[in-house]
Amino acid sequence: LAANIAELRADHHAKTTLLGIVPQMFETRSNEHNRHLKLLAETYG
């Protein structure tokens, strides 16, 4: 999705902007969930 938005902005002069990312179904005890949440924060701030 992020790549699609970047393509639209670069190739079609769209003003579309990624507003935010909402992590869903988060399990605090899940190592996988915590690892992916950290990756999201590092990538998208």
All heavy atoms as atom14 arrays in JSON, in Angstrom:
{
  "sequence": "LAANIAELRADHHAKTTLLGIVPQMFETRSNEHNRHLKLLAETYG",
  "atom14_mask": [
    [1, 1, 1, 1, 1, 1, 1, 1, 0, 0, 0, 0, 0, 0],
    [1, 1, 1, 1, 1, 0, 0, 0, 0, 0, 0, 0, 0, 0],
    [1, 1, 1, 1, 1, 0, 0, 0, 0, 0, 0, 0, 0, 0],
    [1, 1, 1, 1, 1, 1, 1, 1, 0, 0, 0, 0, 0, 0],
    [1, 1, 1, 1, 1, 1, 1, 1, 0, 0, 0, 0, 0, 0],
    [1, 1, 1, 1, 1, 0, 0, 0, 0, 0, 0, 0, 0, 0],
    [1, 1, 1, 1, 1, 1, 1, 1, 1, 0, 0, 0, 0, 0],
    [1, 1, 1, 1, 1, 1, 1, 1, 0, 0, 0, 0, 0, 0],
    [1, 1, 1, 1, 1, 1, 1, 1, 1, 1, 1, 0, 0, 0],
    [1, 1, 1, 1, 1, 0, 0, 0, 0, 0, 0, 0, 0, 0],
    [1, 1, 1, 1, 1, 1, 1, 1, 0, 0, 0, 0, 0, 0],
    [1, 1, 1, 1, 1, 1, 1, 1, 1, 1, 0, 0, 0, 0],
    [1, 1, 1, 1, 1, 1, 1, 1, 1, 1, 0, 0, 0, 0],
    [1, 1, 1, 1, 1, 0, 0, 0, 0, 0, 0, 0, 0, 0],
    [1, 1, 1, 1, 1, 1, 1, 1, 1, 0, 0, 0, 0, 0],
    [1, 1, 1, 1, 1, 1, 1, 0, 0, 0, 0, 0, 0, 0],
    [1, 1, 1, 1, 1, 1, 1, 0, 0, 0, 0, 0, 0, 0],
    [1, 1, 1, 1, 1, 1, 1, 1, 0, 0, 0, 0, 0, 0],
    [1, 1, 1, 1, 1, 1, 1, 1, 0, 0, 0, 0, 0, 0],
    [1, 1, 1, 1, 0, 0, 0, 0, 0, 0, 0, 0, 0, 0],
    [1, 1, 1, 1, 1, 1, 1, 1, 0, 0, 0, 0, 0, 0],
    [1, 1, 1, 1, 1, 1, 1, 0, 0, 0, 0, 0, 0, 0],
    [1, 1, 1, 1, 1, 1, 1, 0, 0, 0, 0, 0, 0, 0],
    [1, 1, 1, 1, 1, 1, 1, 1, 1, 0, 0, 0, 0, 0],
    [1, 1, 1, 1, 1, 1, 1, 1, 0, 0, 0, 0, 0, 0],
    [1, 1, 1, 1, 1, 1, 1, 1, 1, 1, 1, 0, 0, 0],
    [1, 1, 1, 1, 1, 1, 1, 1, 1, 0, 0, 0, 0, 0],
    [1, 1, 1, 1, 1, 1, 1, 0, 0, 0, 0, 0, 0, 0],
    [1, 1, 1, 1, 1, 1, 1, 1, 1, 1, 1, 0, 0, 0],
    [1, 1, 1, 1, 1, 1, 0, 0, 0, 0, 0, 0, 0, 0],
    [1, 1, 1, 1, 1, 1, 1, 1, 0, 0, 0, 0, 0, 0],
    [1, 1, 1, 1, 1, 1, 1, 1, 1, 0, 0, 0, 0, 0],
    [1, 1, 1, 1, 1, 1, 1, 1, 1, 1, 0, 0, 0, 0],
    [1, 1, 1, 1, 1, 1, 1, 1, 0, 0, 0, 0, 0, 0],
    [1, 1, 1, 1, 1, 1, 1, 1, 1, 1, 1, 0, 0, 0],
    [1, 1, 1, 1, 1, 1, 1, 1, 1, 1, 0, 0, 0, 0],
    [1, 1, 1, 1, 1, 1, 1, 1, 0, 0, 0, 0, 0, 0],
    [1, 1, 1, 1, 1, 1, 1, 1, 1, 0, 0, 0, 0, 0],
    [1, 1, 1, 1, 1, 1, 1, 1, 0, 0, 0, 0, 0, 0],
    [1, 1, 1, 1, 1, 1, 1, 1, 0, 0, 0, 0, 0, 0],
    [1, 1, 1, 1, 1, 0, 0, 0, 0, 0, 0, 0, 0, 0],
    [1, 1, 1, 1, 1, 1, 1, 1, 1, 0, 0, 0, 0, 0],
    [1, 1, 1, 1, 1, 1, 1, 0, 0, 0, 0, 0, 0, 0],
    [1, 1, 1, 1, 1, 1, 1, 1, 1, 1, 1, 1, 0, 0],
    [1, 1, 1, 1, 0, 0, 0, 0, 0, 0, 0, 0, 0, 0]
  ],
  "atom14_positions": [
    [[0.83, -1.2, 0.0], [0.0, 0.0, 0.0], [0.86, 1.26, 0.0], [0.61, 2.21, -0.75], [-0.93, -0.01, 1.22], [-1.88, 1.17, 1.37], [-2.91, 1.16, 0.25], [-2.58, 1.11, 2.73], [0.0, 0.0, 0.0], [0.0, 0.0, 0.0], [0.0, 0.0, 0.0], [0.0, 0.0, 0.0], [0.0, 0.0, 0.0], [0.0, 0.0, 0.0]],
    [[1.89, 1.28, 0.83], [2.79, 2.43, 0.87], [3.48, 2.65, -0.47], [3.66, 3.79, -0.92], [3.83, 2.24, 1.98], [0.0, 0.0, 0.0], [0.0, 0.0, 0.0], [0.0, 0.0, 0.0], [0.0, 0.0, 0.0], [0.0, 0.0, 0.0], [0.0, 0.0, 0.0], [0.0, 0.0, 0.0], [0.0, 0.0, 0.0], [0.0, 0.0, 0.0]],
    [[3.84, 1.54, -1.13], [4.46, 1.64, -2.46], [3.46, 2.2, -3.47], [3.83, 3.0, -4.35], [4.97, 0.27, -2.9], [0.0, 0.0, 0.0], [0.0, 0.0, 0.0], [0.0, 0.0, 0.0], [0.0, 0.0, 0.0], [0.0, 0.0, 0.0], [0.0, 0.0, 0.0], [0.0, 0.0, 0.0], [0.0, 0.0, 0.0], [0.0, 0.0, 0.0]],
    [[2.2, 1.78, -3.38], [1.16, 2.31, -4.28], [0.98, 3.81, -4.11], [0.87, 4.55, -5.09], [-0.18, 1.62, -4.01], [-0.21, 0.16, -4.4], [-1.0, -0.61, -3.85], [0.64, -0.25, -5.34], [0.0, 0.0, 0.0], [0.0, 0.0, 0.0], [0.0, 0.0, 0.0], [0.0, 0.0, 0.0], [0.0, 0.0, 0.0], [0.0, 0.0, 0.0]],
    [[0.97, 4.26, -2.86], [0.82, 5.69, -2.59], [2.01, 6.47, -3.16], [1.84, 7.52, -3.8], [0.68, 5.94, -1.08], [-0.64, 5.35, -0.57], [0.72, 7.44, -0.77], [-0.77, 5.37, 0.94], [0.0, 0.0, 0.0], [0.0, 0.0, 0.0], [0.0, 0.0, 0.0], [0.0, 0.0, 0.0], [0.0, 0.0, 0.0], [0.0, 0.0, 0.0]],
    [[3.21, 5.94, -2.95], [4.41, 6.59, -3.49], [4.36, 6.67, -5.02], [4.74, 7.68, -5.62], [5.66, 5.85, -3.03], [0.0, 0.0, 0.0], [0.0, 0.0, 0.0], [0.0, 0.0, 0.0], [0.0, 0.0, 0.0], [0.0, 0.0, 0.0], [0.0, 0.0, 0.0], [0.0, 0.0, 0.0], [0.0, 0.0, 0.0], [0.0, 0.0, 0.0]],
    [[3.87, 5.6, -5.65], [3.75, 5.58, -7.11], [2.76, 6.63, -7.59], [3.01, 7.34, -8.58], [3.3, 4.19, -7.56], [3.05, 4.07, -9.06], [2.47, 2.72, -9.44], [2.56, 1.77, -8.64], [1.89, 2.62, -10.53], [0.0, 0.0, 0.0], [0.0, 0.0, 0.0], [0.0, 0.0, 0.0], [0.0, 0.0, 0.0], [0.0, 0.0, 0.0]],
    [[1.61, 6.73, -6.91], [0.6, 7.71, -7.31], [1.14, 9.13, -7.17], [0.88, 9.99, -8.02], [-0.65, 7.55, -6.45], [-1.5, 6.31, -6.73], [-2.58, 6.16, -5.67], [-2.14, 6.39, -8.11], [0.0, 0.0, 0.0], [0.0, 0.0, 0.0], [0.0, 0.0, 0.0], [0.0, 0.0, 0.0], [0.0, 0.0, 0.0], [0.0, 0.0, 0.0]],
    [[1.88, 9.39, -6.12], [2.42, 10.74, -5.9], [3.5, 11.06, -6.93], [3.57, 12.19, -7.44], [2.98, 10.85, -4.49], [1.9, 10.82, -3.4], [2.52, 10.82, -2.01], [3.23, 12.05, -1.73], [2.69, 13.14, -1.19], [1.41, 13.14, -0.87], [3.42, 14.22, -0.97], [0.0, 0.0, 0.0], [0.0, 0.0, 0.0], [0.0, 0.0, 0.0]],
    [[4.33, 10.08, -7.28], [5.45, 10.32, -8.19], [5.01, 10.37, -9.65], [5.46, 11.23, -10.41], [6.51, 9.24, -8.0], [0.0, 0.0, 0.0], [0.0, 0.0, 0.0], [0.0, 0.0, 0.0], [0.0, 0.0, 0.0], [0.0, 0.0, 0.0], [0.0, 0.0, 0.0], [0.0, 0.0, 0.0], [0.0, 0.0, 0.0], [0.0, 0.0, 0.0]],
    [[4.13, 9.43, -10.03], [3.79, 9.28, -11.45], [2.5, 9.98, -11.86], [2.31, 10.27, -13.05], [3.67, 7.79, -11.8], [4.98, 7.04, -11.61], [6.03, 7.71, -11.51], [4.96, 5.8, -11.55], [0.0, 0.0, 0.0], [0.0, 0.0, 0.0], [0.0, 0.0, 0.0], [0.0, 0.0, 0.0], [0.0, 0.0, 0.0], [0.0, 0.0, 0.0]],
    [[1.61, 10.23, -10.91], [0.31, 10.8, -11.25], [0.01, 12.1, -10.51], [-1.12, 12.6, -10.57], [-0.8, 9.77, -10.96], [-0.65, 8.5, -11.74], [-1.08, 8.37, -13.05], [-0.09, 7.3, -11.41], [-0.81, 7.15, -13.48], [-0.21, 6.48, -12.51], [0.0, 0.0, 0.0], [0.0, 0.0, 0.0], [0.0, 0.0, 0.0], [0.0, 0.0, 0.0]],
    [[0.99, 12.6, -9.78], [0.87, 13.88, -9.08], [-0.3, 13.88, -8.09], [-0.95, 14.92, -7.88], [0.72, 15.04, -10.07], [1.8, 15.05, -11.13], [3.11, 15.33, -10.84], [1.74, 14.76, -12.47], [3.83, 15.26, -11.95], [3.03, 14.91, -12.94], [0.0, 0.0, 0.0], [0.0, 0.0, 0.0], [0.0, 0.0, 0.0], [0.0, 0.0, 0.0]],
    [[-0.59, 12.73, -7.53], [-1.65, 12.64, -6.52], [-1.18, 13.29, -5.22], [0.01, 13.34, -4.92], [-2.01, 11.17, -6.26], [0.0, 0.0, 0.0], [0.0, 0.0, 0.0], [0.0, 0.0, 0.0], [0.0, 0.0, 0.0], [0.0, 0.0, 0.0], [0.0, 0.0, 0.0], [0.0, 0.0, 0.0], [0.0, 0.0, 0.0], [0.0, 0.0, 0.0]],
    [[-2.15, 13.78, -4.46], [-1.84, 14.41, -3.16], [-2.08, 13.43, -2.01], [-2.0, 13.81, -0.84], [-2.69, 15.66, -2.98], [-2.38, 16.73, -4.02], [-3.24, 17.98, -3.79], [-2.91, 19.04, -4.84], [-3.75, 20.26, -4.65], [0.0, 0.0, 0.0], [0.0, 0.0, 0.0], [0.0, 0.0, 0.0], [0.0, 0.0, 0.0], [0.0, 0.0, 0.0]],
    [[-2.36, 12.2, -2.35], [-2.66, 11.17, -1.35], [-1.54, 11.05, -0.33], [-0.36, 10.95, -0.68], [-2.86, 9.81, -2.05], [-3.75, 9.98, -3.15], [-3.44, 8.8, -1.08], [0.0, 0.0, 0.0], [0.0, 0.0, 0.0], [0.0, 0.0, 0.0], [0.0, 0.0, 0.0], [0.0, 0.0, 0.0], [0.0, 0.0, 0.0], [0.0, 0.0, 0.0]],
    [[-1.91, 11.01, 0.95], [-0.93, 10.96, 2.03], [-1.31, 9.84, 3.0], [-2.49, 9.68, 3.32], [-0.89, 12.3, 2.79], [-0.55, 13.35, 1.88], [0.12, 12.26, 3.92], [0.0, 0.0, 0.0], [0.0, 0.0, 0.0], [0.0, 0.0, 0.0], [0.0, 0.0, 0.0], [0.0, 0.0, 0.0], [0.0, 0.0, 0.0], [0.0, 0.0, 0.0]],
    [[-0.32, 9.09, 3.45], [-0.56, 8.07, 4.47], [-0.8, 8.78, 5.79], [0.09, 9.42, 6.35], [0.64, 7.13, 4.57], [0.5, 5.95, 5.55], [-0.67, 5.06, 5.2], [1.79, 5.13, 5.58], [0.0, 0.0, 0.0], [0.0, 0.0, 0.0], [0.0, 0.0, 0.0], [0.0, 0.0, 0.0], [0.0, 0.0, 0.0], [0.0, 0.0, 0.0]],
    [[-2.02, 8.66, 6.3], [-2.41, 9.35, 7.52], [-1.89, 8.66, 8.76], [-1.44, 9.3, 9.72], [-3.94, 9.44, 7.59], [-4.56, 10.07, 8.84], [-4.15, 11.53, 8.96], [-6.08, 9.93, 8.79], [0.0, 0.0, 0.0], [0.0, 0.0, 0.0], [0.0, 0.0, 0.0], [0.0, 0.0, 0.0], [0.0, 0.0, 0.0], [0.0, 0.0, 0.0]],
    [[-1.95, 7.33, 8.76], [-1.49, 6.6, 9.93], [-1.67, 5.1, 9.77], [-2.3, 4.62, 8.83], [0.0, 0.0, 0.0], [0.0, 0.0, 0.0], [0.0, 0.0, 0.0], [0.0, 0.0, 0.0], [0.0, 0.0, 0.0], [0.0, 0.0, 0.0], [0.0, 0.0, 0.0], [0.0, 0.0, 0.0], [0.0, 0.0, 0.0], [0.0, 0.0, 0.0]],
    [[-1.06, 4.37, 10.69], [-1.1, 2.91, 10.71], [-1.66, 2.48, 12.05], [-1.18, 2.93, 13.1], [0.31, 2.33, 10.5], [0.86, 2.77, 9.13], [0.32, 0.81, 10.64], [2.37, 2.69, 9.04], [0.0, 0.0, 0.0], [0.0, 0.0, 0.0], [0.0, 0.0, 0.0], [0.0, 0.0, 0.0], [0.0, 0.0, 0.0], [0.0, 0.0, 0.0]],
    [[-2.69, 1.64, 12.02], [-3.37, 1.24, 13.25], [-3.12, -0.24, 13.51], [-3.76, -1.1, 12.91], [-4.88, 1.5, 13.16], [-5.54, 1.23, 14.52], [-5.17, 2.92, 12.7], [0.0, 0.0, 0.0], [0.0, 0.0, 0.0], [0.0, 0.0, 0.0], [0.0, 0.0, 0.0], [0.0, 0.0, 0.0], [0.0, 0.0, 0.0], [0.0, 0.0, 0.0]],
    [[-2.19, -0.59, 14.39], [-1.96, -2.0, 14.72], [-3.19, -2.58, 15.43], [-3.69, -2.01, 16.4], [-0.74, -1.96, 15.66], [-0.1, -0.63, 15.41], [-1.23, 0.29, 15.08], [0.0, 0.0, 0.0], [0.0, 0.0, 0.0], [0.0, 0.0, 0.0], [0.0, 0.0, 0.0], [0.0, 0.0, 0.0], [0.0, 0.0, 0.0], [0.0, 0.0, 0.0]],
    [[-3.66, -3.71, 14.92], [-4.88, -4.33, 15.44], [-4.57, -5.69, 16.08], [-3.57, -6.33, 15.76], [-5.89, -4.54, 14.3], [-6.32, -3.26, 13.61], [-7.43, -2.55, 14.33], [-7.94, -3.02, 15.35], [-7.86, -1.41, 13.8], [0.0, 0.0, 0.0], [0.0, 0.0, 0.0], [0.0, 0.0, 0.0], [0.0, 0.0, 0.0], [0.0, 0.0, 0.0]],
    [[-5.46, -6.12, 16.96], [-5.4, -7.46, 17.55], [-4.06, -7.73, 18.22], [-3.47, -8.8, 18.1], [-5.72, -8.52, 16.48], [-7.13, -8.41, 15.92], [-7.45, -9.41, 14.46], [-6.94, -8.29, 13.15], [0.0, 0.0, 0.0], [0.0, 0.0, 0.0], [0.0, 0.0, 0.0], [0.0, 0.0, 0.0], [0.0, 0.0, 0.0], [0.0, 0.0, 0.0]],
    [[-3.58, -6.71, 18.92], [-2.27, -6.78, 19.55], [-2.33, -7.62, 20.83], [-3.19, -7.42, 21.69], [-1.78, -5.38, 19.89], [-0.48, -5.33, 20.63], [0.67, -5.86, 20.08], [-0.41, -4.73, 21.88], [1.88, -5.8, 20.75], [0.78, -4.67, 22.57], [1.94, -5.2, 22.01], [0.0, 0.0, 0.0], [0.0, 0.0, 0.0], [0.0, 0.0, 0.0]],
    [[-1.41, -8.57, 20.94], [-1.29, -9.4, 22.14], [0.03, -9.04, 22.83], [1.11, -9.27, 22.3], [-1.32, -10.88, 21.78], [-2.63, -11.33, 21.15], [-2.64, -12.8, 20.8], [-1.7, -13.52, 21.22], [-3.57, -13.24, 20.11], [0.0, 0.0, 0.0], [0.0, 0.0, 0.0], [0.0, 0.0, 0.0], [0.0, 0.0, 0.0], [0.0, 0.0, 0.0]],
    [[-0.08, -8.47, 24.01], [1.1, -7.95, 24.69], [2.12, -9.04, 25.01], [3.33, -8.76, 25.08], [0.7, -7.25, 26.0], [-0.04, -8.16, 26.81], [-0.16, -6.03, 25.7], [0.0, 0.0, 0.0], [0.0, 0.0, 0.0], [0.0, 0.0, 0.0], [0.0, 0.0, 0.0], [0.0, 0.0, 0.0], [0.0, 0.0, 0.0], [0.0, 0.0, 0.0]],
    [[1.68, -10.27, 25.17], [2.59, -11.36, 25.51], [3.22, -12.04, 24.3], [4.05, -12.94, 24.45], [1.86, -12.41, 26.36], [1.36, -11.87, 27.71], [0.69, -12.97, 28.51], [0.22, -12.49, 29.82], [-0.41, -13.24, 30.71], [-0.64, -14.53, 30.44], [-0.8, -12.72, 31.86], [0.0, 0.0, 0.0], [0.0, 0.0, 0.0], [0.0, 0.0, 0.0]],
    [[2.82, -11.61, 23.12], [3.34, -12.24, 21.91], [4.66, -11.61, 21.5], [4.74, -10.41, 21.21], [2.32, -12.09, 20.77], [2.9, -12.46, 19.54], [0.0, 0.0, 0.0], [0.0, 0.0, 0.0], [0.0, 0.0, 0.0], [0.0, 0.0, 0.0], [0.0, 0.0, 0.0], [0.0, 0.0, 0.0], [0.0, 0.0, 0.0], [0.0, 0.0, 0.0]],
    [[5.7, -12.43, 21.46], [7.01, -11.93, 21.02], [6.95, -11.45, 19.57], [7.57, -10.44, 19.21], [8.06, -13.03, 21.17], [8.39, -13.33, 22.61], [8.28, -12.46, 23.48], [8.81, -14.55, 22.89], [0.0, 0.0, 0.0], [0.0, 0.0, 0.0], [0.0, 0.0, 0.0], [0.0, 0.0, 0.0], [0.0, 0.0, 0.0], [0.0, 0.0, 0.0]],
    [[6.2, -12.2, 18.74], [6.08, -11.81, 17.33], [5.41, -10.44, 17.2], [5.88, -9.58, 16.45], [5.27, -12.86, 16.56], [5.1, -12.51, 15.09], [4.17, -13.47, 14.36], [3.41, -14.2, 15.05], [4.18, -13.47, 13.12], [0.0, 0.0, 0.0], [0.0, 0.0, 0.0], [0.0, 0.0, 0.0], [0.0, 0.0, 0.0], [0.0, 0.0, 0.0]],
    [[4.32, -10.24, 17.94], [3.62, -8.97, 17.86], [4.51, -7.82, 18.32], [4.55, -6.75, 17.69], [2.34, -9.02, 18.7], [1.23, -9.78, 18.05], [-0.07, -9.72, 18.48], [1.24, -10.62, 16.98], [-0.83, -10.49, 17.72], [-0.05, -11.06, 16.82], [0.0, 0.0, 0.0], [0.0, 0.0, 0.0], [0.0, 0.0, 0.0], [0.0, 0.0, 0.0]],
    [[5.21, -8.01, 19.41], [6.09, -6.96, 19.91], [7.24, -6.68, 18.94], [7.64, -5.52, 18.77], [6.62, -7.34, 21.29], [5.61, -7.11, 22.39], [5.34, -5.98, 22.76], [5.04, -8.2, 22.92], [0.0, 0.0, 0.0], [0.0, 0.0, 0.0], [0.0, 0.0, 0.0], [0.0, 0.0, 0.0], [0.0, 0.0, 0.0], [0.0, 0.0, 0.0]],
    [[7.75, -7.72, 18.32], [8.83, -7.54, 17.35], [8.34, -6.75, 16.13], [9.01, -5.81, 15.67], [9.37, -8.91, 16.91], [10.57, -8.81, 15.96], [11.19, -10.17, 15.73], [10.29, -11.07, 15.0], [9.65, -12.11, 15.55], [9.81, -12.38, 16.84], [8.86, -12.88, 14.83], [0.0, 0.0, 0.0], [0.0, 0.0, 0.0], [0.0, 0.0, 0.0]],
    [[7.14, -7.12, 15.62], [6.6, -6.41, 14.46], [6.21, -4.98, 14.81], [6.36, -4.07, 13.98], [5.4, -7.17, 13.9], [5.75, -8.43, 13.18], [6.83, -8.52, 12.34], [5.17, -9.65, 13.17], [6.9, -9.74, 11.83], [5.9, -10.45, 12.33], [0.0, 0.0, 0.0], [0.0, 0.0, 0.0], [0.0, 0.0, 0.0], [0.0, 0.0, 0.0]],
    [[5.7, -4.76, 16.03], [5.35, -3.41, 16.44], [6.6, -2.52, 16.49], [6.58, -1.35, 16.06], [4.67, -3.44, 17.8], [4.13, -2.11, 18.33], [3.07, -1.55, 17.4], [3.55, -2.29, 19.74], [0.0, 0.0, 0.0], [0.0, 0.0, 0.0], [0.0, 0.0, 0.0], [0.0, 0.0, 0.0], [0.0, 0.0, 0.0], [0.0, 0.0, 0.0]],
    [[7.69, -3.07, 16.98], [8.95, -2.33, 17.02], [9.43, -2.0, 15.61], [9.9, -0.89, 15.33], [10.01, -3.14, 17.76], [11.36, -2.43, 17.88], [12.38, -3.3, 18.62], [13.73, -2.6, 18.7], [14.74, -3.45, 19.38], [0.0, 0.0, 0.0], [0.0, 0.0, 0.0], [0.0, 0.0, 0.0], [0.0, 0.0, 0.0], [0.0, 0.0, 0.0]],
    [[9.28, -2.98, 14.69], [9.68, -2.76, 13.3], [8.85, -1.66, 12.66], [9.38, -0.81, 11.93], [9.53, -4.07, 12.52], [9.85, -4.01, 11.02], [11.31, -3.61, 10.81], [9.57, -5.35, 10.36], [0.0, 0.0, 0.0], [0.0, 0.0, 0.0], [0.0, 0.0, 0.0], [0.0, 0.0, 0.0], [0.0, 0.0, 0.0], [0.0, 0.0, 0.0]],
    [[7.55, -1.67, 12.94], [6.68, -0.62, 12.41], [7.14, 0.76, 12.9], [7.22, 1.72, 12.12], [5.23, -0.85, 12.83], [4.41, -1.87, 12.06], [3.01, -2.0, 12.67], [4.3, -1.48, 10.58], [0.0, 0.0, 0.0], [0.0, 0.0, 0.0], [0.0, 0.0, 0.0], [0.0, 0.0, 0.0], [0.0, 0.0, 0.0], [0.0, 0.0, 0.0]],
    [[7.41, 0.85, 14.19], [7.82, 2.13, 14.77], [9.14, 2.6, 14.16], [9.32, 3.8, 13.91], [7.95, 1.99, 16.28], [0.0, 0.0, 0.0], [0.0, 0.0, 0.0], [0.0, 0.0, 0.0], [0.0, 0.0, 0.0], [0.0, 0.0, 0.0], [0.0, 0.0, 0.0], [0.0, 0.0, 0.0], [0.0, 0.0, 0.0], [0.0, 0.0, 0.0]],
    [[10.06, 1.67, 13.92], [11.34, 2.04, 13.34], [11.19, 2.49, 11.89], [11.94, 3.35, 11.42], [12.3, 0.85, 13.41], [12.75, 0.5, 14.83], [13.55, -0.78, 14.88], [13.59, -1.51, 13.85], [14.15, -1.07, 15.94], [0.0, 0.0, 0.0], [0.0, 0.0, 0.0], [0.0, 0.0, 0.0], [0.0, 0.0, 0.0], [0.0, 0.0, 0.0]],
    [[10.22, 1.9, 11.19], [10.06, 2.19, 9.76], [9.2, 3.43, 9.52], [9.52, 4.27, 8.67], [9.42, 0.99, 9.04], [10.21, -0.18, 9.28], [9.33, 1.24, 7.54], [0.0, 0.0, 0.0], [0.0, 0.0, 0.0], [0.0, 0.0, 0.0], [0.0, 0.0, 0.0], [0.0, 0.0, 0.0], [0.0, 0.0, 0.0], [0.0, 0.0, 0.0]],
    [[8.1, 3.54, 10.28], [7.11, 4.59, 9.99], [7.01, 5.66, 11.07], [6.28, 6.64, 10.9], [5.74, 3.96, 9.76], [5.7, 3.05, 8.56], [5.81, 1.66, 8.71], [5.59, 3.56, 7.27], [5.78, 0.82, 7.61], [5.56, 2.72, 6.17], [5.66, 1.35, 6.35], [5.63, 0.52, 5.25], [0.0, 0.0, 0.0], [0.0, 0.0, 0.0]],
    [[7.72, 5.49, 12.18], [7.79, 6.52, 13.2], [6.44, 6.96, 13.73], [5.61, 6.13, 14.13], [0.0, 0.0, 0.0], [0.0, 0.0, 0.0], [0.0, 0.0, 0.0], [0.0, 0.0, 0.0], [0.0, 0.0, 0.0], [0.0, 0.0, 0.0], [0.0, 0.0, 0.0], [0.0, 0.0, 0.0], [0.0, 0.0, 0.0], [0.0, 0.0, 0.0]]
  ]
}
